[in-house]
């Protein structure tokens, strides 16, 4: 199992939110945690050998818990995801931490 941690920025309708993405990959399966807005929630999905992935999970906001799906790339040094949640689409980008 390969585990990486990324420092991320999430562009939301109410501004940029910073946090972390912890990713575990094994045999085409990706799992981990998205830590943003003082909450850490698990996610799961699939990933190919080039880092292309499709994941789903939940984000906890001040008002509610929102389910999301995300598609993009998770590579050794960086992550780029397009997240769709509650009729909104936004970007998550980040770089691997040391």
PDB file of N, CA and C in Angstrom:
ATOM      1  N   UNK A   1       0.847  -1.182   0.000  1.00  0.00           N
ATOM      2  CA  UNK A   1       0.000   0.000   0.000  1.00  0.00           C
ATOM      3  C   UNK A   1       0.888   1.239   0.000  1.00  0.00           C
ATOM      4  N   UNK A   2       0.522   2.197  -0.825  1.00  0.00           N
ATOM      5  CA  UNK A   2       1.263   3.443  -0.928  1.00  0.00           C
ATOM      6  C   UNK A   2       0.427   4.548  -0.289  1.00  0.00           C
ATOM      7  N   UNK A   3       1.026   5.282   0.658  1.00  0.00           N
ATOM      8  CA  UNK A   3       0.301   6.367   1.320  1.00  0.00           C
ATOM      9  C   UNK A   3       1.016   7.685   1.081  1.00  0.00           C
ATOM     10  N   UNK A   4       0.232   8.723   0.717  1.00  0.00           N
ATOM     11  CA  UNK A   4       0.752  10.070   0.510  1.00  0.00           C
ATOM     12  C   UNK A   4      -0.168  11.067   1.193  1.00  0.00           C
ATOM     13  N   UNK A   5       0.419  12.212   1.561  1.00  0.00           N
ATOM     14  CA  UNK A   5      -0.351  13.300   2.173  1.00  0.00           C
ATOM     15  C   UNK A   5      -0.093  14.562   1.352  1.00  0.00           C
ATOM     16  N   UNK A   6      -1.162  15.279   1.060  1.00  0.00           N
ATOM     17  CA  UNK A   6      -1.095  16.490   0.250  1.00  0.00           C
ATOM     18  C   UNK A   6      -1.668  17.668   1.026  1.00  0.00           C
ATOM     19  N   UNK A   7      -1.035  18.807   0.899  1.00  0.00           N
ATOM     20  CA  UNK A   7      -1.588  20.057   1.421  1.00  0.00           C
ATOM     21  C   UNK A   7      -2.428  20.630   0.290  1.00  0.00           C
ATOM     22  N   UNK A   8      -3.730  20.859   0.558  1.00  0.00           N
ATOM     23  CA  UNK A   8      -4.646  21.218  -0.526  1.00  0.00           C
ATOM     24  C   UNK A   8      -5.297  22.581  -0.315  1.00  0.00           C
ATOM     25  N   UNK A   9      -5.826  23.092  -1.409  1.00  0.00           N
ATOM     26  CA  UNK A   9      -6.659  24.288  -1.420  1.00  0.00           C
ATOM     27  C   UNK A   9      -7.939  23.925  -2.168  1.00  0.00           C
ATOM     28  N   UNK A  10      -9.076  24.179  -1.543  1.00  0.00           N
ATOM     29  CA  UNK A  10     -10.371  23.887  -2.149  1.00  0.00           C
ATOM     30  C   UNK A  10     -11.069  25.209  -2.450  1.00  0.00           C
ATOM     31  N   UNK A  11     -11.329  25.442  -3.747  1.00  0.00           N
ATOM     32  CA  UNK A  11     -12.038  26.657  -4.157  1.00  0.00           C
ATOM     33  C   UNK A  11     -13.531  26.393  -4.046  1.00  0.00           C
ATOM     34  N   UNK A  12     -14.205  27.065  -3.101  1.00  0.00           N
ATOM     35  CA  UNK A  12     -15.632  26.867  -2.873  1.00  0.00           C
ATOM     36  C   UNK A  12     -16.386  28.148  -3.190  1.00  0.00           C
ATOM     37  N   UNK A  13     -17.715  28.091  -3.251  1.00  0.00           N
ATOM     38  CA  UNK A  13     -18.492  29.312  -3.497  1.00  0.00           C
ATOM     39  C   UNK A  13     -18.287  30.386  -2.425  1.00  0.00           C
ATOM     40  N   UNK A  14     -17.814  29.996  -1.236  1.00  0.00           N
ATOM     41  CA  UNK A  14     -17.600  30.982  -0.163  1.00  0.00           C
ATOM     42  C   UNK A  14     -16.121  31.266   0.076  1.00  0.00           C
ATOM     43  N   UNK A  15     -15.290  30.925  -0.901  1.00  0.00           N
ATOM     44  CA  UNK A  15     -13.862  31.225  -0.806  1.00  0.00           C
ATOM     45  C   UNK A  15     -13.005  29.978  -0.721  1.00  0.00           C
ATOM     46  N   UNK A  16     -11.690  30.200  -0.683  1.00  0.00           N
ATOM     47  CA  UNK A  16     -10.747  29.085  -0.619  1.00  0.00           C
ATOM     48  C   UNK A  16     -10.668  28.525   0.791  1.00  0.00           C
ATOM     49  N   UNK A  17     -10.669  27.211   0.856  1.00  0.00           N
ATOM     50  CA  UNK A  17     -10.514  26.498   2.120  1.00  0.00           C
ATOM     51  C   UNK A  17      -9.257  25.649   2.015  1.00  0.00           C
ATOM     52  N   UNK A  18      -8.431  25.700   3.023  1.00  0.00           N
ATOM     53  CA  UNK A  18      -7.191  24.925   3.032  1.00  0.00           C
ATOM     54  C   UNK A  18      -7.352  23.686   3.897  1.00  0.00           C
ATOM     55  N   UNK A  19      -6.586  22.657   3.578  1.00  0.00           N
ATOM     56  CA  UNK A  19      -6.672  21.435   4.350  1.00  0.00           C
ATOM     57  C   UNK A  19      -5.668  20.405   3.868  1.00  0.00           C
ATOM     58  N   UNK A  20      -6.000  19.136   4.109  1.00  0.00           N
ATOM     59  CA  UNK A  20      -5.113  18.032   3.754  1.00  0.00           C
ATOM     60  C   UNK A  20      -5.902  16.901   3.127  1.00  0.00           C
ATOM     61  N   UNK A  21      -5.234  16.177   2.257  1.00  0.00           N
ATOM     62  CA  UNK A  21      -5.780  14.977   1.649  1.00  0.00           C
ATOM     63  C   UNK A  21      -4.772  13.869   1.910  1.00  0.00           C
ATOM     64  N   UNK A  22      -5.211  12.827   2.600  1.00  0.00           N
ATOM     65  CA  UNK A  22      -4.370  11.658   2.830  1.00  0.00           C
ATOM     66  C   UNK A  22      -4.885  10.552   1.926  1.00  0.00           C
ATOM     67  N   UNK A  23      -3.990   9.955   1.147  1.00  0.00           N
ATOM     68  CA  UNK A  23      -4.379   9.008   0.104  1.00  0.00           C
ATOM     69  C   UNK A  23      -3.643   7.687   0.288  1.00  0.00           C
ATOM     70  N   UNK A  24      -4.397   6.596   0.231  1.00  0.00           N
ATOM     71  CA  UNK A  24      -3.842   5.240   0.236  1.00  0.00           C
ATOM     72  C   UNK A  24      -4.267   4.573  -1.062  1.00  0.00           C
ATOM     73  N   UNK A  25      -3.308   4.003  -1.791  1.00  0.00           N
ATOM     74  CA  UNK A  25      -3.640   3.306  -3.028  1.00  0.00           C
ATOM     75  C   UNK A  25      -3.122   1.877  -2.972  1.00  0.00           C
ATOM     76  N   UNK A  26      -3.925   0.971  -3.504  1.00  0.00           N
ATOM     77  CA  UNK A  26      -3.521  -0.427  -3.584  1.00  0.00           C
ATOM     78  C   UNK A  26      -4.392  -1.150  -4.605  1.00  0.00           C
ATOM     79  N   UNK A  27      -3.749  -1.721  -5.613  1.00  0.00           N
ATOM     80  CA  UNK A  27      -4.442  -2.531  -6.622  1.00  0.00           C
ATOM     81  C   UNK A  27      -5.638  -1.837  -7.260  1.00  0.00           C
ATOM     82  N   UNK A  28      -5.483  -0.569  -7.639  1.00  0.00           N
ATOM     83  CA  UNK A  28      -6.548   0.149  -8.320  1.00  0.00           C
ATOM     84  C   UNK A  28      -7.621   0.727  -7.421  1.00  0.00           C
ATOM     85  N   UNK A  29      -7.457   0.571  -6.107  1.00  0.00           N
ATOM     86  CA  UNK A  29      -8.412   1.119  -5.148  1.00  0.00           C
ATOM     87  C   UNK A  29      -7.746   2.277  -4.417  1.00  0.00           C
ATOM     88  N   UNK A  30      -8.472   3.361  -4.246  1.00  0.00           N
ATOM     89  CA  UNK A  30      -7.962   4.513  -3.505  1.00  0.00           C
ATOM     90  C   UNK A  30      -8.897   4.793  -2.326  1.00  0.00           C
ATOM     91  N   UNK A  31      -8.315   4.991  -1.157  1.00  0.00           N
ATOM     92  CA  UNK A  31      -9.056   5.361   0.045  1.00  0.00           C
ATOM     93  C   UNK A  31      -8.271   6.459   0.744  1.00  0.00           C
ATOM     94  N   UNK A  32      -8.890   7.088   1.715  1.00  0.00           N
ATOM     95  CA  UNK A  32      -8.175   8.107   2.471  1.00  0.00           C
ATOM     96  C   UNK A  32      -9.115   9.019   3.211  1.00  0.00           C
ATOM     97  N   UNK A  33      -8.575  10.194   3.554  1.00  0.00           N
ATOM     98  CA  UNK A  33      -9.355  11.188   4.291  1.00  0.00           C
ATOM     99  C   UNK A  33      -9.141  12.566   3.704  1.00  0.00           C
ATOM    100  N   UNK A  34     -10.234  13.321   3.623  1.00  0.00           N
ATOM    101  CA  UNK A  34     -10.211  14.721   3.229  1.00  0.00           C
ATOM    102  C   UNK A  34     -10.431  15.532   4.493  1.00  0.00           C
ATOM    103  N   UNK A  35      -9.448  16.340   4.834  1.00  0.00           N
ATOM    104  CA  UNK A  35      -9.507  17.162   6.039  1.00  0.00           C
ATOM    105  C   UNK A  35      -9.622  18.623   5.624  1.00  0.00           C
ATOM    106  N   UNK A  36     -10.816  19.185   5.833  1.00  0.00           N
ATOM    107  CA  UNK A  36     -11.077  20.565   5.438  1.00  0.00           C
ATOM    108  C   UNK A  36     -12.173  21.122   6.341  1.00  0.00           C
ATOM    109  N   UNK A  37     -12.135  22.404   6.628  1.00  0.00           N
ATOM    110  CA  UNK A  37     -13.112  23.084   7.493  1.00  0.00           C
ATOM    111  C   UNK A  37     -13.219  22.412   8.869  1.00  0.00           C
ATOM    112  N   UNK A  38     -12.075  22.070   9.425  1.00  0.00           N
ATOM    113  CA  UNK A  38     -11.972  21.470  10.759  1.00  0.00           C
ATOM    114  C   UNK A  38     -12.661  20.115  10.898  1.00  0.00           C
ATOM    115  N   UNK A  39     -12.844  19.401   9.794  1.00  0.00           N
ATOM    116  CA  UNK A  39     -13.417  18.055   9.818  1.00  0.00           C
ATOM    117  C   UNK A  39     -12.588  17.152   8.920  1.00  0.00           C
ATOM    118  N   UNK A  40     -12.482  15.903   9.318  1.00  0.00           N
ATOM    119  CA  UNK A  40     -11.793  14.897   8.524  1.00  0.00           C
ATOM    120  C   UNK A  40     -12.790  13.786   8.208  1.00  0.00           C
ATOM    121  N   UNK A  41     -13.018  13.540   6.918  1.00  0.00           N
ATOM    122  CA  UNK A  41     -13.999  12.551   6.486  1.00  0.00           C
ATOM    123  C   UNK A  41     -13.358  11.571   5.508  1.00  0.00           C
ATOM    124  N   UNK A  42     -13.717  10.294   5.591  1.00  0.00           N
ATOM    125  CA  UNK A  42     -13.139   9.296   4.680  1.00  0.00           C
ATOM    126  C   UNK A  42     -13.713   9.401   3.269  1.00  0.00           C
ATOM    127  N   UNK A  43     -12.933   8.923   2.298  1.00  0.00           N
ATOM    128  CA  UNK A  43     -13.407   8.798   0.924  1.00  0.00           C
ATOM    129  C   UNK A  43     -12.905   7.469   0.368  1.00  0.00           C
ATOM    130  N   UNK A  44     -13.470   7.058  -0.760  1.00  0.00           N
ATOM    131  CA  UNK A  44     -13.042   5.827  -1.420  1.00  0.00           C
ATOM    132  C   UNK A  44     -13.309   5.952  -2.915  1.00  0.00           C
ATOM    133  N   UNK A  45     -12.626   5.129  -3.693  1.00  0.00           N
ATOM    134  CA  UNK A  45     -12.840   5.153  -5.131  1.00  0.00           C
ATOM    135  C   UNK A  45     -11.873   4.256  -5.860  1.00  0.00           C
ATOM    136  N   UNK A  46     -11.658   4.595  -7.132  1.00  0.00           N
ATOM    137  CA  UNK A  46     -10.767   3.814  -7.995  1.00  0.00           C
ATOM    138  C   UNK A  46      -9.710   4.742  -8.597  1.00  0.00           C
ATOM    139  N   UNK A  47      -8.556   4.133  -8.926  1.00  0.00           N
ATOM    140  CA  UNK A  47      -7.454   4.897  -9.516  1.00  0.00           C
ATOM    141  C   UNK A  47      -6.711   3.995 -10.491  1.00  0.00           C
ATOM    142  N   UNK A  48      -6.262   4.568 -11.610  1.00  0.00           N
ATOM    143  CA  UNK A  48      -5.504   3.769 -12.572  1.00  0.00           C
ATOM    144  C   UNK A  48      -4.004   4.017 -12.414  1.00  0.00           C
ATOM    145  N   UNK A  49      -3.209   3.366 -13.231  1.00  0.00           N
ATOM    146  CA  UNK A  49      -1.761   3.468 -13.138  1.00  0.00           C
ATOM    147  C   UNK A  49      -1.198   4.836 -13.460  1.00  0.00           C
ATOM    148  N   UNK A  50      -1.971   5.680 -14.144  1.00  0.00           N
ATOM    149  CA  UNK A  50      -1.539   7.044 -14.464  1.00  0.00           C
ATOM    150  C   UNK A  50      -1.987   8.061 -13.426  1.00  0.00           C
ATOM    151  N   UNK A  51      -2.726   7.625 -12.390  1.00  0.00           N
ATOM    152  CA  UNK A  51      -3.199   8.531 -11.345  1.00  0.00           C
ATOM    153  C   UNK A  51      -4.585   9.085 -11.581  1.00  0.00           C
ATOM    154  N   UNK A  52      -5.235   8.709 -12.695  1.00  0.00           N
ATOM    155  CA  UNK A  52      -6.600   9.165 -12.944  1.00  0.00           C
ATOM    156  C   UNK A  52      -7.528   8.463 -11.957  1.00  0.00           C
ATOM    157  N   UNK A  53      -8.393   9.241 -11.318  1.00  0.00           N
ATOM    158  CA  UNK A  53      -9.216   8.642 -10.274  1.00  0.00           C
ATOM    159  C   UNK A  53     -10.644   9.168 -10.292  1.00  0.00           C
ATOM    160  N   UNK A  54     -11.509   8.408  -9.629  1.00  0.00           N
ATOM    161  CA  UNK A  54     -12.889   8.781  -9.372  1.00  0.00           C
ATOM    162  C   UNK A  54     -13.156   8.389  -7.932  1.00  0.00           C
ATOM    163  N   UNK A  55     -13.495   9.376  -7.096  1.00  0.00           N
ATOM    164  CA  UNK A  55     -13.700   9.114  -5.667  1.00  0.00           C
ATOM    165  C   UNK A  55     -15.026   9.699  -5.205  1.00  0.00           C
ATOM    166  N   UNK A  56     -15.482   9.251  -4.034  1.00  0.00           N
ATOM    167  CA  UNK A  56     -16.685   9.814  -3.429  1.00  0.00           C
ATOM    168  C   UNK A  56     -16.526   9.811  -1.915  1.00  0.00           C
ATOM    169  N   UNK A  57     -17.228  10.737  -1.289  1.00  0.00           N
ATOM    170  CA  UNK A  57     -17.181  10.885   0.160  1.00  0.00           C
ATOM    171  C   UNK A  57     -18.133  11.965   0.609  1.00  0.00           C
ATOM    172  N   UNK A  58     -17.868  12.550   1.783  1.00  0.00           N
ATOM    173  CA  UNK A  58     -18.702  13.613   2.346  1.00  0.00           C
ATOM    174  C   UNK A  58     -17.827  14.742   2.856  1.00  0.00           C
ATOM    175  N   UNK A  59     -18.366  15.943   2.796  1.00  0.00           N
ATOM    176  CA  UNK A  59     -17.726  17.128   3.367  1.00  0.00           C
ATOM    177  C   UNK A  59     -18.669  17.672   4.430  1.00  0.00           C
ATOM    178  N   UNK A  60     -18.140  17.943   5.610  1.00  0.00           N
ATOM    179  CA  UNK A  60     -18.935  18.518   6.686  1.00  0.00           C
ATOM    180  C   UNK A  60     -18.695  20.029   6.687  1.00  0.00           C
ATOM    181  N   UNK A  61     -19.780  20.797   6.506  1.00  0.00           N
ATOM    182  CA  UNK A  61     -19.698  22.258   6.545  1.00  0.00           C
ATOM    183  C   UNK A  61     -20.281  22.746   7.865  1.00  0.00           C
ATOM    184  N   UNK A  62     -20.322  24.046   8.040  1.00  0.00           N
ATOM    185  CA  UNK A  62     -20.929  24.601   9.250  1.00  0.00           C
ATOM    186  C   UNK A  62     -22.429  24.319   9.322  1.00  0.00           C
ATOM    187  N   UNK A  63     -23.049  24.149   8.155  1.00  0.00           N
ATOM    188  CA  UNK A  63     -24.500  23.999   8.096  1.00  0.00           C
ATOM    189  C   UNK A  63     -24.980  22.558   7.941  1.00  0.00           C
ATOM    190  N   UNK A  64     -24.178  21.711   7.249  1.00  0.00           N
ATOM    191  CA  UNK A  64     -24.658  20.360   6.942  1.00  0.00           C
ATOM    192  C   UNK A  64     -23.528  19.476   6.441  1.00  0.00           C
ATOM    193  N   UNK A  65     -23.868  18.227   6.187  1.00  0.00           N
ATOM    194  CA  UNK A  65     -22.949  17.277   5.569  1.00  0.00           C
ATOM    195  C   UNK A  65     -23.378  17.089   4.121  1.00  0.00           C
ATOM    196  N   UNK A  66     -22.421  17.235   3.206  1.00  0.00           N
ATOM    197  CA  UNK A  66     -22.700  17.190   1.779  1.00  0.00           C
ATOM    198  C   UNK A  66     -21.926  16.030   1.153  1.00  0.00           C
ATOM    199  N   UNK A  67     -22.627  15.172   0.422  1.00  0.00           N
ATOM    200  CA  UNK A  67     -21.965  14.093  -0.309  1.00  0.00           C
ATOM    201  C   UNK A  67     -21.372  14.668  -1.597  1.00  0.00           C
ATOM    202  N   UNK A  68     -20.212  14.118  -2.008  1.00  0.00           N
ATOM    203  CA  UNK A  68     -19.563  14.590  -3.231  1.00  0.00           C
ATOM    204  C   UNK A  68     -19.009  13.425  -4.035  1.00  0.00           C
ATOM    205  N   UNK A  69     -18.770  13.713  -5.305  1.00  0.00           N
ATOM    206  CA  UNK A  69     -17.963  12.849  -6.163  1.00  0.00           C
ATOM    207  C   UNK A  69     -16.870  13.735  -6.739  1.00  0.00           C
ATOM    208  N   UNK A  70     -15.733  13.138  -7.032  1.00  0.00           N
ATOM    209  CA  UNK A  70     -14.622  13.909  -7.584  1.00  0.00           C
ATOM    210  C   UNK A  70     -13.897  13.071  -8.632  1.00  0.00           C
ATOM    211  N   UNK A  71     -13.441  13.754  -9.661  1.00  0.00           N
ATOM    212  CA  UNK A  71     -12.654  13.106 -10.714  1.00  0.00           C
ATOM    213  C   UNK A  71     -11.431  13.965 -10.970  1.00  0.00           C
ATOM    214  N   UNK A  72     -10.333  13.316 -11.299  1.00  0.00           N
ATOM    215  CA  UNK A  72      -9.107  14.054 -11.579  1.00  0.00           C
ATOM    216  C   UNK A  72      -7.908  13.157 -11.499  1.00  0.00           C
ATOM    217  N   UNK A  73      -6.778  13.755 -11.056  1.00  0.00           N
ATOM    218  CA  UNK A  73      -5.536  12.999 -10.964  1.00  0.00           C
ATOM    219  C   UNK A  73      -4.921  13.133  -9.578  1.00  0.00           C
ATOM    220  N   UNK A  74      -4.392  12.026  -9.107  1.00  0.00           N
ATOM    221  CA  UNK A  74      -3.605  11.990  -7.881  1.00  0.00           C
ATOM    222  C   UNK A  74      -2.271  11.379  -8.285  1.00  0.00           C
ATOM    223  N   UNK A  75      -1.244  12.206  -8.268  1.00  0.00           N
ATOM    224  CA  UNK A  75       0.087  11.748  -8.673  1.00  0.00           C
ATOM    225  C   UNK A  75       1.040  11.855  -7.486  1.00  0.00           C
ATOM    226  N   UNK A  76       2.254  11.416  -7.695  1.00  0.00           N
ATOM    227  CA  UNK A  76       3.252  11.384  -6.623  1.00  0.00           C
ATOM    228  C   UNK A  76       3.449  12.755  -5.977  1.00  0.00           C
ATOM    229  N   UNK A  77       3.501  13.819  -6.784  1.00  0.00           N
ATOM    230  CA  UNK A  77       3.822  15.137  -6.244  1.00  0.00           C
ATOM    231  C   UNK A  77       2.641  16.096  -6.142  1.00  0.00           C
ATOM    232  N   UNK A  78       1.528  15.801  -6.820  1.00  0.00           N
ATOM    233  CA  UNK A  78       0.423  16.763  -6.841  1.00  0.00           C
ATOM    234  C   UNK A  78      -0.923  16.079  -7.040  1.00  0.00           C
ATOM    235  N   UNK A  79      -1.958  16.805  -6.657  1.00  0.00           N
ATOM    236  CA  UNK A  79      -3.326  16.331  -6.819  1.00  0.00           C
ATOM    237  C   UNK A  79      -4.152  17.442  -7.472  1.00  0.00           C
ATOM    238  N   UNK A  80      -5.020  17.053  -8.405  1.00  0.00           N
ATOM    239  CA  UNK A  80      -5.959  17.974  -9.049  1.00  0.00           C
ATOM    240  C   UNK A  80      -7.284  17.245  -9.192  1.00  0.00           C
ATOM    241  N   UNK A  81      -8.303  17.743  -8.525  1.00  0.00           N
ATOM    242  CA  UNK A  81      -9.622  17.107  -8.548  1.00  0.00           C
ATOM    243  C   UNK A  81     -10.698  18.127  -8.883  1.00  0.00           C
ATOM    244  N   UNK A  82     -11.703  17.685  -9.602  1.00  0.00           N
ATOM    245  CA  UNK A  82     -12.901  18.480  -9.870  1.00  0.00           C
ATOM    246  C   UNK A  82     -14.009  17.829  -9.044  1.00  0.00           C
ATOM    247  N   UNK A  83     -14.491  18.555  -8.063  1.00  0.00           N
ATOM    248  CA  UNK A  83     -15.441  18.033  -7.079  1.00  0.00           C
ATOM    249  C   UNK A  83     -16.844  18.539  -7.393  1.00  0.00           C
ATOM    250  N   UNK A  84     -17.816  17.625  -7.371  1.00  0.00           N
ATOM    251  CA  UNK A  84     -19.217  17.993  -7.553  1.00  0.00           C
ATOM    252  C   UNK A  84     -19.973  17.634  -6.285  1.00  0.00           C
ATOM    253  N   UNK A  85     -20.621  18.651  -5.691  1.00  0.00           N
ATOM    254  CA  UNK A  85     -21.371  18.463  -4.443  1.00  0.00           C
ATOM    255  C   UNK A  85     -22.515  19.452  -4.395  1.00  0.00           C
ATOM    256  N   UNK A  86     -23.704  18.960  -4.107  1.00  0.00           N
ATOM    257  CA  UNK A  86     -24.884  19.816  -3.924  1.00  0.00           C
ATOM    258  C   UNK A  86     -25.032  20.847  -5.042  1.00  0.00           C
ATOM    259  N   UNK A  87     -24.993  20.392  -6.281  1.00  0.00           N
ATOM    260  CA  UNK A  87     -25.175  21.252  -7.454  1.00  0.00           C
ATOM    261  C   UNK A  87     -24.081  22.297  -7.642  1.00  0.00           C
ATOM    262  N   UNK A  88     -22.943  22.121  -6.991  1.00  0.00           N
ATOM    263  CA  UNK A  88     -21.794  23.011  -7.163  1.00  0.00           C
ATOM    264  C   UNK A  88     -20.619  22.172  -7.644  1.00  0.00           C
ATOM    265  N   UNK A  89     -19.781  22.788  -8.468  1.00  0.00           N
ATOM    266  CA  UNK A  89     -18.552  22.146  -8.902  1.00  0.00           C
ATOM    267  C   UNK A  89     -17.398  23.068  -8.538  1.00  0.00           C
ATOM    268  N   UNK A  90     -16.359  22.518  -7.940  1.00  0.00           N
ATOM    269  CA  UNK A  90     -15.209  23.322  -7.564  1.00  0.00           C
ATOM    270  C   UNK A  90     -13.936  22.503  -7.650  1.00  0.00           C
ATOM    271  N   UNK A  91     -12.800  23.194  -7.567  1.00  0.00           N
ATOM    272  CA  UNK A  91     -11.496  22.576  -7.773  1.00  0.00           C
ATOM    273  C   UNK A  91     -10.785  22.343  -6.441  1.00  0.00           C
ATOM    274  N   UNK A  92     -10.091  21.216  -6.377  1.00  0.00           N
ATOM    275  CA  UNK A  92      -9.177  20.920  -5.276  1.00  0.00           C
ATOM    276  C   UNK A  92      -7.811  20.696  -5.902  1.00  0.00           C
ATOM    277  N   UNK A  93      -6.826  21.479  -5.469  1.00  0.00           N
ATOM    278  CA  UNK A  93      -5.465  21.308  -5.945  1.00  0.00           C
ATOM    279  C   UNK A  93      -4.528  21.239  -4.744  1.00  0.00           C
ATOM    280  N   UNK A  94      -3.420  20.564  -4.907  1.00  0.00           N
ATOM    281  CA  UNK A  94      -2.482  20.488  -3.810  1.00  0.00           C
ATOM    282  C   UNK A  94      -1.176  19.843  -4.198  1.00  0.00           C
ATOM    283  N   UNK A  95      -0.220  19.949  -3.264  1.00  0.00           N
ATOM    284  CA  UNK A  95       1.098  19.378  -3.458  1.00  0.00           C
ATOM    285  C   UNK A  95       1.423  18.445  -2.313  1.00  0.00           C
ATOM    286  N   UNK A  96       2.215  17.424  -2.612  1.00  0.00           N
ATOM    287  CA  UNK A  96       2.617  16.455  -1.597  1.00  0.00           C
ATOM    288  C   UNK A  96       3.435  17.149  -0.515  1.00  0.00           C
ATOM    289  N   UNK A  97       3.217  16.725   0.724  1.00  0.00           N
ATOM    290  CA  UNK A  97       3.999  17.241   1.837  1.00  0.00           C
ATOM    291  C   UNK A  97       5.259  16.394   1.978  1.00  0.00           C
ATOM    292  N   UNK A  98       6.255  16.950   2.630  1.00  0.00           N
ATOM    293  CA  UNK A  98       7.528  16.231   2.796  1.00  0.00           C
ATOM    294  C   UNK A  98       7.404  15.049   3.722  1.00  0.00           C
TER     295      UNK A  98
END
